[in-house]
C-alpha atoms as a PDB file:
ATOM      1  CA  MET A   1       9.264 -19.402  17.406  1.00  0.00           C
ATOM      2  CA  ARG A   2       8.525 -22.359  15.156  1.00  0.00           C
ATOM      3  CA  TYR A   3       5.335 -23.739  16.373  1.00  0.00           C
ATOM      4  CA  ILE A   4       4.854 -27.454  15.493  1.00  0.00           C
ATOM      5  CA  LYS A   5       1.393 -27.186  13.751  1.00  0.00           C
ATOM      6  CA  ASP A   6       3.544 -24.475  11.161  1.00  0.00           C
ATOM      7  CA  LEU A   7       6.124 -27.130  10.350  1.00  0.00           C
ATOM      8  CA  ARG A   8       6.169 -28.446   6.813  1.00  0.00           C
ATOM      9  CA  GLU A   9       8.005 -31.265   5.278  1.00  0.00           C
ATOM     10  CA  ASN A  10      11.866 -30.270   3.963  1.00  0.00           C
ATOM     11  CA  ASP A  11      11.476 -27.173   6.786  1.00  0.00           C
ATOM     12  CA  TYR A  12      14.750 -26.932   8.400  1.00  0.00           C
ATOM     13  CA  ILE A  13      14.624 -25.571  11.990  1.00  0.00           C
ATOM     14  CA  ALA A  14      17.770 -24.233  13.892  1.00  0.00           C
ATOM     15  CA  ASN A  15      18.319 -23.728  17.605  1.00  0.00           C
ATOM     16  CA  GLU A  16      14.468 -23.944  18.327  1.00  0.00           C
ATOM     17  CA  ILE A  17      13.274 -24.922  21.692  1.00  0.00           C
ATOM     18  CA  TYR A  18      10.880 -27.533  22.286  1.00  0.00           C
ATOM     19  CA  LEU A  19       9.450 -29.754  25.633  1.00  0.00           C
ATOM     20  CA  CYS A  20      11.010 -33.236  25.365  1.00  0.00           C
ATOM     21  CA  LYS A  21       8.096 -34.986  26.321  1.00  0.00           C
ATOM     22  CA  SER A  22       9.626 -38.330  26.087  1.00  0.00           C
ATOM     23  CA  LYS A  23      13.029 -40.055  25.490  1.00  0.00           C
ATOM     24  CA  GLN A  24      13.979 -43.530  24.379  1.00  0.00           C
ATOM     25  CA  ILE A  25      17.182 -44.995  23.511  1.00  0.00           C
ATOM     26  CA  LEU A  26      16.536 -47.824  20.763  1.00  0.00           C
ATOM     27  CA  THR A  27      18.575 -50.048  18.996  1.00  0.00           C
ATOM     28  CA  GLY A  28      18.105 -50.393  15.314  1.00  0.00           C
ATOM     29  CA  LYS A  29      18.153 -53.575  12.551  1.00  0.00           C
ATOM     30  CA  SER A  30      21.932 -52.688  11.927  1.00  0.00           C
ATOM     31  CA  GLY A  31      22.443 -52.921  15.702  1.00  0.00           C
ATOM     32  CA  LYS A  32      23.165 -49.098  16.117  1.00  0.00           C
ATOM     33  CA  GLU A  33      21.570 -47.024  18.977  1.00  0.00           C
ATOM     34  CA  TYR A  34      19.498 -44.111  18.142  1.00  0.00           C
ATOM     35  CA  VAL A  35      16.956 -42.026  20.139  1.00  0.00           C
ATOM     36  CA  SER A  36      13.307 -41.829  19.717  1.00  0.00           C
ATOM     37  CA  LEU A  37      12.014 -38.618  20.956  1.00  0.00           C
ATOM     38  CA  THR A  38       8.270 -36.607  21.382  1.00  0.00           C
ATOM     39  CA  LEU A  39       8.750 -32.974  21.276  1.00  0.00           C
ATOM     40  CA  GLN A  40       6.105 -30.559  22.192  1.00  0.00           C
ATOM     41  CA  ASP A  41       4.798 -27.370  22.438  1.00  0.00           C
ATOM     42  CA  LYS A  42       1.463 -25.495  22.763  1.00  0.00           C
ATOM     43  CA  THR A  43       0.008 -26.104  19.493  1.00  0.00           C
ATOM     44  CA  GLY A  44       1.162 -30.166  19.685  1.00  0.00           C
ATOM     45  CA  THR A  45       3.550 -32.944  19.471  1.00  0.00           C
ATOM     46  CA  VAL A  46       5.966 -34.410  16.751  1.00  0.00           C
ATOM     47  CA  ASP A  47       8.162 -37.522  16.950  1.00  0.00           C
ATOM     48  CA  ALA A  48      11.843 -36.915  16.425  1.00  0.00           C
ATOM     49  CA  LYS A  49      14.639 -39.291  15.833  1.00  0.00           C
ATOM     50  CA  ILE A  50      18.566 -38.573  16.441  1.00  0.00           C
ATOM     51  CA  TRP A  51      20.484 -41.011  14.101  1.00  0.00           C
ATOM     52  CA  ASP A  52      24.004 -39.884  14.952  1.00  0.00           C
ATOM     53  CA  ARG A  53      24.044 -39.081  18.923  1.00  0.00           C
ATOM     54  CA  GLN A  54      27.068 -37.140  18.557  1.00  0.00           C
ATOM     55  CA  GLY A  55      24.200 -34.610  17.964  1.00  0.00           C
ATOM     56  CA  GLU A  56      23.592 -34.783  21.577  1.00  0.00           C
ATOM     57  CA  THR A  57      25.881 -31.983  22.801  1.00  0.00           C
ATOM     58  CA  SER A  58      24.720 -32.294  26.622  1.00  0.00           C
ATOM     59  CA  GLN A  59      22.785 -34.195  28.944  1.00  0.00           C
ATOM     60  CA  TYR A  60      18.933 -33.876  28.827  1.00  0.00           C
ATOM     61  CA  GLU A  61      16.113 -35.942  29.668  1.00  0.00           C
ATOM     62  CA  ALA A  62      12.069 -36.561  29.317  1.00  0.00           C
ATOM     63  CA  MET A  63      10.582 -33.320  30.732  1.00  0.00           C
ATOM     64  CA  ASP A  64      13.505 -31.215  29.832  1.00  0.00           C
ATOM     65  CA  PHE A  65      13.274 -28.017  27.496  1.00  0.00           C
ATOM     66  CA  VAL A  66      15.997 -28.722  24.841  1.00  0.00           C
ATOM     67  CA  HIS A  67      17.509 -26.428  21.967  1.00  0.00           C
ATOM     68  CA  VAL A  68      16.802 -28.610  18.437  1.00  0.00           C
ATOM     69  CA  ASP A  69      18.299 -28.290  15.047  1.00  0.00           C
ATOM     70  CA  ALA A  70      16.499 -30.857  12.715  1.00  0.00           C
ATOM     71  CA  ARG A  71      15.103 -31.332   9.264  1.00  0.00           C
ATOM     72  CA  VAL A  72      11.592 -31.947   8.982  1.00  0.00           C
ATOM     73  CA  THR A  73      10.910 -35.295   7.162  1.00  0.00           C
ATOM     74  CA  THR A  74       7.846 -37.348   6.648  1.00  0.00           C
ATOM     75  CA  PHE A  75       7.459 -41.062   7.724  1.00  0.00           C
ATOM     76  CA  GLN A  76       4.247 -42.944   7.500  1.00  0.00           C
ATOM     77  CA  GLU A  77       2.390 -39.723   6.348  1.00  0.00           C
ATOM     78  CA  ALA A  78       3.444 -38.239   9.600  1.00  0.00           C
ATOM     79  CA  LEU A  79       5.782 -35.567   9.924  1.00  0.00           C
ATOM     80  CA  GLN A  80       8.996 -36.339  12.011  1.00  0.00           C
ATOM     81  CA  LEU A  81      12.155 -34.329  12.704  1.00  0.00           C
ATOM     82  CA  ASN A  82      15.543 -35.548  11.940  1.00  0.00           C
ATOM     83  CA  VAL A  83      17.505 -33.995  14.658  1.00  0.00           C
ATOM     84  CA  SER A  84      21.107 -33.008  13.972  1.00  0.00           C
ATOM     85  CA  ARG A  85      22.031 -31.384  17.232  1.00  0.00           C
ATOM     86  CA  ILE A  86      20.114 -31.102  20.455  1.00  0.00           C
ATOM     87  CA  TYR A  87      21.138 -29.840  24.200  1.00  0.00           C
ATOM     88  CA  LYS A  88      19.155 -28.722  27.256  1.00  0.00           C
ATOM     89  CA  ALA A  89      18.030 -25.245  27.762  1.00  0.00           C
ATOM     90  CA  ASN A  90      18.563 -22.870  30.640  1.00  0.00           C
ATOM     91  CA  GLU A  91      15.701 -21.218  32.664  1.00  0.00           C
ATOM     92  CA  GLY A  92      15.005 -18.020  31.384  1.00  0.00           C
ATOM     93  CA  GLU A  93      15.396 -19.014  27.484  1.00  0.00           C
ATOM     94  CA  PHE A  94      11.834 -20.089  27.358  1.00  0.00           C
ATOM     95  CA  TYR A  95       8.091 -19.149  28.438  1.00  0.00           C
ATOM     96  CA  PRO A  96       6.661 -22.449  29.781  1.00  0.00           C
ATOM     97  CA  ASP A  97       3.108 -21.153  28.470  1.00  0.00           C
ATOM     98  CA  ASP A  98       4.412 -21.561  25.079  1.00  0.00           C
ATOM     99  CA  TYR A  99       4.904 -25.446  25.554  1.00  0.00           C
ATOM    100  CA  PHE A 100       1.662 -26.449  26.748  1.00  0.00           C
ATOM    101  CA  PRO A 101      -1.421 -26.804  24.955  1.00  0.00           C
ATOM    102  CA  MET A 102      -4.149 -24.372  25.924  1.00  0.00           C
ATOM    103  CA  THR A 103      -7.870 -24.022  25.494  1.00  0.00           C
ATOM    104  CA  THR A 104      -8.985 -21.437  23.259  1.00  0.00           C
ATOM    105  CA  GLY A 105     -11.613 -20.493  25.579  1.00  0.00           C
ATOM    106  CA  ASN A 106     -11.412 -17.944  28.083  1.00  0.00           C
ATOM    107  CA  VAL A 107     -11.071 -19.745  31.353  1.00  0.00           C
ATOM    108  CA  GLU A 108     -12.822 -17.469  33.715  1.00  0.00           C
ATOM    109  CA  ASP A 109     -15.798 -17.051  31.584  1.00  0.00           C
ATOM    110  CA  MET A 110     -16.086 -20.668  31.171  1.00  0.00           C
ATOM    111  CA  TYR A 111     -15.945 -21.441  34.883  1.00  0.00           C
ATOM    112  CA  LYS A 112     -18.776 -18.230  35.209  1.00  0.00           C
ATOM    113  CA  GLU A 113     -21.037 -20.834  32.950  1.00  0.00           C
ATOM    114  CA  ILE A 114     -20.330 -23.860  35.235  1.00  0.00           C
ATOM    115  CA  LEU A 115     -21.356 -21.577  38.234  1.00  0.00           C
ATOM    116  CA  GLY A 116     -24.524 -20.331  36.338  1.00  0.00           C
ATOM    117  CA  PHE A 117     -25.446 -24.078  36.145  1.00  0.00           C
ATOM    118  CA  ILE A 118     -25.295 -24.501  39.659  1.00  0.00           C
ATOM    119  CA  ASN A 119     -26.833 -21.467  40.530  1.00  0.00           C
ATOM    120  CA  SER A 120     -29.934 -22.928  38.308  1.00  0.00           C
ATOM    121  CA  ILE A 121     -30.277 -25.960  40.288  1.00  0.00           C
ATOM    122  CA  LYS A 122     -33.376 -26.318  42.140  1.00  0.00           C
ATOM    123  CA  ASP A 123     -32.888 -29.455  44.254  1.00  0.00           C
ATOM    124  CA  GLN A 124     -31.367 -28.102  47.417  1.00  0.00           C
ATOM    125  CA  ASN A 125     -29.559 -31.408  48.064  1.00  0.00           C
ATOM    126  CA  LEU A 126     -27.674 -31.383  44.886  1.00  0.00           C
ATOM    127  CA  LYS A 127     -27.084 -27.661  44.867  1.00  0.00           C
ATOM    128  CA  GLU A 128     -25.331 -28.159  48.011  1.00  0.00           C
ATOM    129  CA  LEU A 129     -23.160 -30.736  46.836  1.00  0.00           C
ATOM    130  CA  LEU A 130     -21.961 -28.790  43.890  1.00  0.00           C
ATOM    131  CA  GLU A 131     -21.224 -25.633  45.821  1.00  0.00           C
ATOM    132  CA  GLY A 132     -19.046 -27.893  48.347  1.00  0.00           C
ATOM    133  CA  PHE A 133     -16.699 -28.709  45.237  1.00  0.00           C
ATOM    134  CA  PHE A 134     -17.017 -25.866  42.546  1.00  0.00           C
ATOM    135  CA  VAL A 135     -17.629 -22.848  44.993  1.00  0.00           C
ATOM    136  CA  GLN A 136     -16.014 -23.558  48.506  1.00  0.00           C
ATOM    137  CA  ASP A 137     -13.483 -25.703  47.516  1.00  0.00           C
ATOM    138  CA  LYS A 138     -10.327 -23.460  46.439  1.00  0.00           C
ATOM    139  CA  ASP A 139      -7.920 -26.088  45.918  1.00  0.00           C
ATOM    140  CA  PHE A 140     -10.142 -28.067  43.677  1.00  0.00           C
ATOM    141  CA  ILE A 141     -11.458 -24.836  41.576  1.00  0.00           C
ATOM    142  CA  LYS A 142      -7.731 -24.098  40.837  1.00  0.00           C
ATOM    143  CA  LYS A 143      -6.854 -27.783  39.511  1.00  0.00           C
ATOM    144  CA  PHE A 144     -10.779 -27.990  37.791  1.00  0.00           C
ATOM    145  CA  LYS A 145      -9.625 -24.759  35.888  1.00  0.00           C
ATOM    146  CA  ASN A 146      -6.191 -25.657  34.618  1.00  0.00           C
ATOM    147  CA  HIS A 147      -6.596 -29.414  34.521  1.00  0.00           C
ATOM    148  CA  SER A 148      -6.887 -31.498  30.855  1.00  0.00           C
ATOM    149  CA  ALA A 149      -9.412 -34.063  30.253  1.00  0.00           C
ATOM    150  CA  ALA A 150      -7.164 -36.727  28.711  1.00  0.00           C
ATOM    151  CA  LYS A 151      -3.563 -37.535  28.333  1.00  0.00           C
ATOM    152  CA  SER A 152      -4.104 -37.181  24.384  1.00  0.00           C
ATOM    153  CA  VAL A 153      -7.310 -38.541  22.630  1.00  0.00           C
ATOM    154  CA  HIS A 154      -9.441 -35.578  23.216  1.00  0.00           C
ATOM    155  CA  HIS A 155      -9.380 -32.064  25.372  1.00  0.00           C
ATOM    156  CA  GLY A 156      -5.790 -32.900  26.322  1.00  0.00           C
ATOM    157  CA  PHE A 157      -4.685 -29.586  26.963  1.00  0.00           C
ATOM    158  CA  VAL A 158      -4.683 -26.732  29.804  1.00  0.00           C
ATOM    159  CA  GLY A 159      -8.267 -25.810  30.905  1.00  0.00           C
ATOM    160  CA  GLY A 160      -9.500 -29.222  28.719  1.00  0.00           C
ATOM    161  CA  LEU A 161     -11.689 -30.494  31.676  1.00  0.00           C
ATOM    162  CA  LEU A 162     -13.307 -27.387  32.465  1.00  0.00           C
ATOM    163  CA  GLU A 163     -14.125 -26.991  28.326  1.00  0.00           C
ATOM    164  CA  HIS A 164     -15.347 -30.436  28.053  1.00  0.00           C
ATOM    165  CA  THR A 165     -17.564 -30.289  31.251  1.00  0.00           C
ATOM    166  CA  LEU A 166     -18.960 -27.019  29.971  1.00  0.00           C
ATOM    167  CA  GLY A 167     -19.898 -28.806  26.550  1.00  0.00           C
ATOM    168  CA  VAL A 168     -21.370 -31.718  28.213  1.00  0.00           C
ATOM    169  CA  ALA A 169     -23.444 -29.554  30.583  1.00  0.00           C
ATOM    170  CA  LYS A 170     -24.831 -27.743  27.635  1.00  0.00           C
ATOM    171  CA  MET A 171     -25.777 -30.634  25.700  1.00  0.00           C
ATOM    172  CA  CYS A 172     -27.226 -32.142  28.746  1.00  0.00           C
ATOM    173  CA  GLN A 173     -29.426 -28.848  29.067  1.00  0.00           C
ATOM    174  CA  TYR A 174     -30.482 -29.353  25.647  1.00  0.00           C
ATOM    175  CA  TYR A 175     -31.721 -32.754  26.292  1.00  0.00           C
ATOM    176  CA  ALA A 176     -33.626 -32.005  29.331  1.00  0.00           C
ATOM    177  CA  ASP A 177     -35.508 -28.862  27.768  1.00  0.00           C
ATOM    178  CA  ASN A 178     -36.492 -31.607  24.958  1.00  0.00           C
ATOM    179  CA  TYR A 179     -37.374 -34.931  26.959  1.00  0.00           C
ATOM    180  CA  PRO A 180     -39.513 -33.920  30.018  1.00  0.00           C
ATOM    181  CA  VAL A 181     -38.963 -37.484  31.373  1.00  0.00           C
ATOM    182  CA  ILE A 182     -35.449 -36.303  32.207  1.00  0.00           C
ATOM    183  CA  ASN A 183     -34.777 -35.138  35.813  1.00  0.00           C
ATOM    184  CA  ARG A 184     -32.886 -31.759  34.716  1.00  0.00           C
ATOM    185  CA  ASP A 185     -30.998 -31.283  38.109  1.00  0.00           C
ATOM    186  CA  LEU A 186     -30.039 -34.671  38.510  1.00  0.00           C
ATOM    187  CA  LEU A 187     -28.832 -34.807  34.682  1.00  0.00           C
ATOM    188  CA  ILE A 188     -26.848 -31.351  35.134  1.00  0.00           C
ATOM    189  CA  ALA A 189     -25.162 -32.562  38.345  1.00  0.00           C
ATOM    190  CA  GLY A 190     -24.047 -35.496  36.800  1.00  0.00           C
ATOM    191  CA  ALA A 191     -22.392 -33.603  33.858  1.00  0.00           C
ATOM    192  CA  LEU A 192     -20.744 -31.454  36.090  1.00  0.00           C
ATOM    193  CA  PHE A 193     -19.251 -34.413  38.445  1.00  0.00           C
ATOM    194  CA  HIS A 194     -18.528 -36.891  35.406  1.00  0.00           C
ATOM    195  CA  ASP A 195     -15.221 -36.423  34.927  1.00  0.00           C
ATOM    196  CA  ILE A 196     -13.697 -34.886  38.258  1.00  0.00           C
ATOM    197  CA  GLY A 197     -11.626 -38.053  39.067  1.00  0.00           C
ATOM    198  CA  LYS A 198      -9.466 -37.181  36.050  1.00  0.00           C
ATOM    199  CA  MET A 199      -7.894 -34.761  38.369  1.00  0.00           C
ATOM    200  CA  GLU A 200      -6.171 -37.618  40.218  1.00  0.00           C
ATOM    201  CA  GLU A 201      -6.006 -40.148  37.219  1.00  0.00           C
ATOM    202  CA  LEU A 202      -3.674 -37.490  35.244  1.00  0.00           C
ATOM    203  CA  SER A 203      -0.852 -35.815  36.481  1.00  0.00           C
ATOM    204  CA  SER A 204      -0.788 -31.908  36.091  1.00  0.00           C
ATOM    205  CA  PHE A 205       1.356 -30.329  33.151  1.00  0.00           C
ATOM    206  CA  PRO A 206       4.061 -30.781  31.899  1.00  0.00           C
ATOM    207  CA  GLU A 207       3.303 -34.378  32.390  1.00  0.00           C
ATOM    208  CA  ASN A 208      -0.043 -34.738  31.847  1.00  0.00           C
ATOM    209  CA  ASP A 209       0.336 -38.619  32.113  1.00  0.00           C
ATOM    210  CA  TYR A 210      -1.318 -41.274  34.285  1.00  0.00           C
ATOM    211  CA  THR A 211      -0.696 -41.728  37.608  1.00  0.00           C
ATOM    212  CA  ASN A 212      -0.476 -44.702  39.984  1.00  0.00           C
ATOM    213  CA  GLU A 213      -4.111 -43.967  40.934  1.00  0.00           C
ATOM    214  CA  GLY A 214      -5.192 -43.177  37.502  1.00  0.00           C
ATOM    215  CA  GLN A 215      -3.765 -46.456  36.076  1.00  0.00           C
ATOM    216  CA  LEU A 216      -5.081 -48.860  39.209  1.00  0.00           C
ATOM    217  CA  LEU A 217      -8.422 -47.051  39.785  1.00  0.00           C
ATOM    218  CA  GLY A 218      -9.270 -45.135  36.935  1.00  0.00           C
ATOM    219  CA  HIS A 219     -11.165 -41.821  37.080  1.00  0.00           C
ATOM    220  CA  ILE A 220     -14.473 -43.364  36.868  1.00  0.00           C
ATOM    221  CA  PHE A 221     -14.263 -44.861  39.913  1.00  0.00           C
ATOM    222  CA  ILE A 222     -12.038 -42.092  41.582  1.00  0.00           C
ATOM    223  CA  GLY A 223     -14.829 -39.397  40.769  1.00  0.00           C
ATOM    224  CA  ALA A 224     -17.868 -41.441  41.921  1.00  0.00           C
ATOM    225  CA  ASN A 225     -15.902 -42.257  45.221  1.00  0.00           C
ATOM    226  CA  ASP A 226     -15.053 -38.674  45.738  1.00  0.00           C
ATOM    227  CA  VAL A 227     -18.705 -37.425  45.355  1.00  0.00           C
ATOM    228  CA  ARG A 228     -20.160 -40.520  47.791  1.00  0.00           C
ATOM    229  CA  ASN A 229     -17.505 -39.494  50.297  1.00  0.00           C
ATOM    230  CA  ARG A 230     -18.471 -35.690  50.287  1.00  0.00           C
ATOM    231  CA  ILE A 231     -22.209 -36.989  50.358  1.00  0.00           C
ATOM    232  CA  LYS A 232     -21.437 -38.936  53.973  1.00  0.00           C
ATOM    233  CA  LYS A 233     -20.247 -35.726  55.372  1.00  0.00           C
ATOM    234  CA  MET A 234     -23.935 -34.006  54.531  1.00  0.00           C
ATOM    235  CA  ASN A 235     -27.094 -34.203  56.491  1.00  0.00           C
ATOM    236  CA  LYS A 236     -29.805 -36.311  55.096  1.00  0.00           C
ATOM    237  CA  PHE A 237     -28.974 -36.408  51.490  1.00  0.00           C
ATOM    238  CA  PRO A 238     -31.871 -39.154  49.954  1.00  0.00           C
ATOM    239  CA  GLU A 239     -30.404 -42.322  49.526  1.00  0.00           C
ATOM    240  CA  LYS A 240     -32.250 -42.943  46.446  1.00  0.00           C
ATOM    241  CA  LEU A 241     -31.025 -39.732  44.526  1.00  0.00           C
ATOM    242  CA  GLU A 242     -27.362 -40.233  45.793  1.00  0.00           C
ATOM    243  CA  LEU A 243     -27.338 -43.974  43.918  1.00  0.00           C
ATOM    244  CA  GLU A 244     -28.859 -42.217  40.709  1.00  0.00           C
ATOM    245  CA  LEU A 245     -26.074 -39.481  40.677  1.00  0.00           C
ATOM    246  CA  ILE A 246     -23.533 -42.163  41.344  1.00  0.00           C
ATOM    247  CA  HIS A 247     -24.685 -44.738  38.861  1.00  0.00           C
ATOM    248  CA  CYS A 248     -24.651 -41.790  36.459  1.00  0.00           C
ATOM    249  CA  ILE A 249     -20.877 -41.094  36.892  1.00  0.00           C
ATOM    250  CA  LEU A 250     -20.172 -45.080  37.055  1.00  0.00           C
ATOM    251  CA  ALA A 251     -22.288 -45.356  33.658  1.00  0.00           C
ATOM    252  CA  HIS A 252     -21.026 -42.252  31.511  1.00  0.00           C
ATOM    253  CA  HIS A 253     -18.719 -44.472  29.062  1.00  0.00           C
ATOM    254  CA  GLY A 254     -21.857 -46.521  28.193  1.00  0.00           C
ATOM    255  CA  GLU A 255     -20.314 -49.546  27.660  1.00  0.00           C
ATOM    256  CA  LEU A 256     -18.730 -51.948  29.682  1.00  0.00           C
ATOM    257  CA  GLU A 257     -15.719 -52.415  27.031  1.00  0.00           C
ATOM    258  CA  TYR A 258     -15.242 -48.975  27.245  1.00  0.00           C
ATOM    259  CA  GLY A 259     -14.542 -48.741  30.752  1.00  0.00           C
ATOM    260  CA  SER A 260     -18.067 -48.209  32.453  1.00  0.00           C
ATOM    261  CA  PRO A 261     -18.559 -50.171  35.633  1.00  0.00           C
ATOM    262  CA  LYS A 262     -22.140 -50.368  34.848  1.00  0.00           C
ATOM    263  CA  LYS A 263     -24.121 -49.656  31.513  1.00  0.00           C
ATOM    264  CA  PRO A 264     -27.010 -46.785  31.714  1.00  0.00           C
ATOM    265  CA  ALA A 265     -30.029 -48.019  33.637  1.00  0.00           C
ATOM    266  CA  THR A 266     -31.695 -44.414  33.873  1.00  0.00           C
ATOM    267  CA  VAL A 267     -32.697 -42.004  31.337  1.00  0.00           C
ATOM    268  CA  GLU A 268     -30.270 -39.220  32.911  1.00  0.00           C
ATOM    269  CA  ALA A 269     -27.361 -41.734  32.784  1.00  0.00           C
ATOM    270  CA  LEU A 270     -27.981 -42.508  29.134  1.00  0.00           C
ATOM    271  CA  ALA A 271     -28.364 -38.718  28.361  1.00  0.00           C
ATOM    272  CA  LEU A 272     -25.152 -38.198  30.140  1.00  0.00           C
ATOM    273  CA  HIS A 273     -23.406 -40.883  28.266  1.00  0.00           C
ATOM    274  CA  LEU A 274     -24.887 -39.566  24.851  1.00  0.00           C
ATOM    275  CA  ALA A 275     -23.829 -35.980  25.964  1.00  0.00           C
ATOM    276  CA  ASP A 276     -20.343 -37.129  26.894  1.00  0.00           C
ATOM    277  CA  ASN A 277     -19.596 -39.052  23.733  1.00  0.00           C
ATOM    278  CA  THR A 278     -21.066 -36.573  21.458  1.00  0.00           C
ATOM    279  CA  ASP A 279     -18.493 -33.716  23.138  1.00  0.00           C
ATOM    280  CA  SER A 280     -15.685 -35.857  23.055  1.00  0.00           C
ATOM    281  CA  LYS A 281     -15.928 -37.285  19.417  1.00  0.00           C
ATOM    282  CA  LEU A 282     -16.262 -34.047  18.058  1.00  0.00           C
ATOM    283  CA  GLU A 283     -13.486 -32.410  19.850  1.00  0.00           C
ATOM    284  CA  ILE A 284     -11.703 -35.474  18.453  1.00  0.00           C
ATOM    285  CA  MET A 285     -12.784 -34.684  14.781  1.00  0.00           C
ATOM    286  CA  THR A 286     -11.903 -31.021  15.333  1.00  0.00           C
ATOM    287  CA  GLU A 287      -8.525 -31.792  16.518  1.00  0.00           C
ATOM    288  CA  ILE A 288      -7.940 -34.131  13.571  1.00  0.00           C
ATOM    289  CA  LEU A 289      -9.051 -31.262  11.052  1.00  0.00           C
ATOM    290  CA  ASN A 290      -6.982 -28.641  12.958  1.00  0.00           C
ATOM    291  CA  SER A 291      -3.909 -30.661  12.870  1.00  0.00           C
ATOM    292  CA  GLY A 292      -3.023 -30.454   9.276  1.00  0.00           C
ATOM    293  CA  ASP A 293      -2.395 -28.259   6.526  1.00  0.00           C
ATOM    294  CA  PRO A 294      -5.689 -26.136   5.959  1.00  0.00           C
ATOM    295  CA  LYS A 295      -5.622 -27.486   2.208  1.00  0.00           C
ATOM    296  CA  THR A 296      -5.470 -30.813   2.764  1.00  0.00           C
ATOM    297  CA  GLU A 297      -8.820 -32.716   2.082  1.00  0.00           C
ATOM    298  CA  TRP A 298      -8.171 -36.464   3.065  1.00  0.00           C
ATOM    299  CA  PHE A 299      -6.638 -37.515   6.630  1.00  0.00           C
ATOM    300  CA  GLY A 300      -6.452 -41.088   6.204  1.00  0.00           C
ATOM    301  CA  TYR A 301      -7.467 -43.726   8.069  1.00  0.00           C
ATOM    302  CA  GLN A 302      -8.577 -43.087  12.028  1.00  0.00           C
ATOM    303  CA  ARG A 303      -8.832 -45.951  13.884  1.00  0.00           C
ATOM    304  CA  LEU A 304     -11.007 -44.413  16.569  1.00  0.00           C
ATOM    305  CA  PHE A 305     -13.688 -43.705  14.012  1.00  0.00           C
ATOM    306  CA  GLU A 306     -12.905 -46.950  11.840  1.00  0.00           C
ATOM    307  CA  THR A 307     -12.736 -44.874   8.555  1.00  0.00           C
ATOM    308  CA  ASN A 308     -10.833 -42.616   6.365  1.00  0.00           C
ATOM    309  CA  ILE A 309     -11.371 -38.963   7.159  1.00  0.00           C
ATOM    310  CA  MET A 310     -12.344 -36.173   4.937  1.00  0.00           C
ATOM    311  CA  ARG A 311     -12.412 -32.257   5.624  1.00  0.00           C
ATOM    312  CA  SER A 312     -15.870 -31.141   4.280  1.00  0.00           C
ATOM    313  CA  SER A 313     -16.715 -27.745   2.358  1.00  0.00           C
ATOM    314  CA  LYS A 314     -17.199 -24.872   4.714  1.00  0.00           C
ATOM    315  CA  GLU A 315     -17.662 -20.983   3.921  1.00  0.00           C
ATOM    316  CA  LYS A 316     -15.238 -18.966   5.261  1.00  0.00           C
ATOM    317  CA  GLU A 317     -16.445 -16.883   8.283  1.00  0.00           C
END
């Protein structure tokens, strides 16, 4: 199989199978119709164009697996496939796991680390609340292990939510170790809960796209609401602690313009925001650096960082 990350300009691919993530029929300046596709495998996505629709030899739609013949070209400094033939693949001709981007970490090992954080919580109210989700709720556990943390921006792969949550929790542990003013148990609980709303905001693979609930409510509200509803079923959960935990979830994006209903008003909410921002931004940078030829030094202007990105020197391990 020719993985997307290994494609280079002027390569020709013949009878390769990819997931058709999106399909649009558009009209060019000449008035002639063409098809614009996004093709995906576990290593990434690539834009594809069908200029001559006679190359579509069978009916297919978005989310179908398709056989593709194409020439690899470059358009606006990004690879693009010029498709000469495409048709729907039959079940049994492909392994679905080859087409969904996956975490490079071990899911079970990472989840054991999550459980380790929960076991270290001394506040019994927070510990009981966390165990209700991460230990006792089997449906939640299964979904959490396999869900992505984003559609495309960062950790947009199977296991991405688990990997991101663990990364944020580890960074929060560092903050708690070095800044005694922080309520460590509250911060770790906020880290583990901060993005659970993404399991309702985004659909599972292969779609991994925004749901109606995600579009209308967003993961911050969904997650805070899920936690608060669970707290209501518990006995004697301290009201002030509940408000502080919910505030951490609501404020973890840091700024109103970034989707936070509230700006951080407590040290734990601020620390959670900084940890979330650091882990997500460094993952975005990692994905940019891993997306191109290892010999590529400059990656061009990246809108999220508002600057050109360069690969720095690093000794081979």
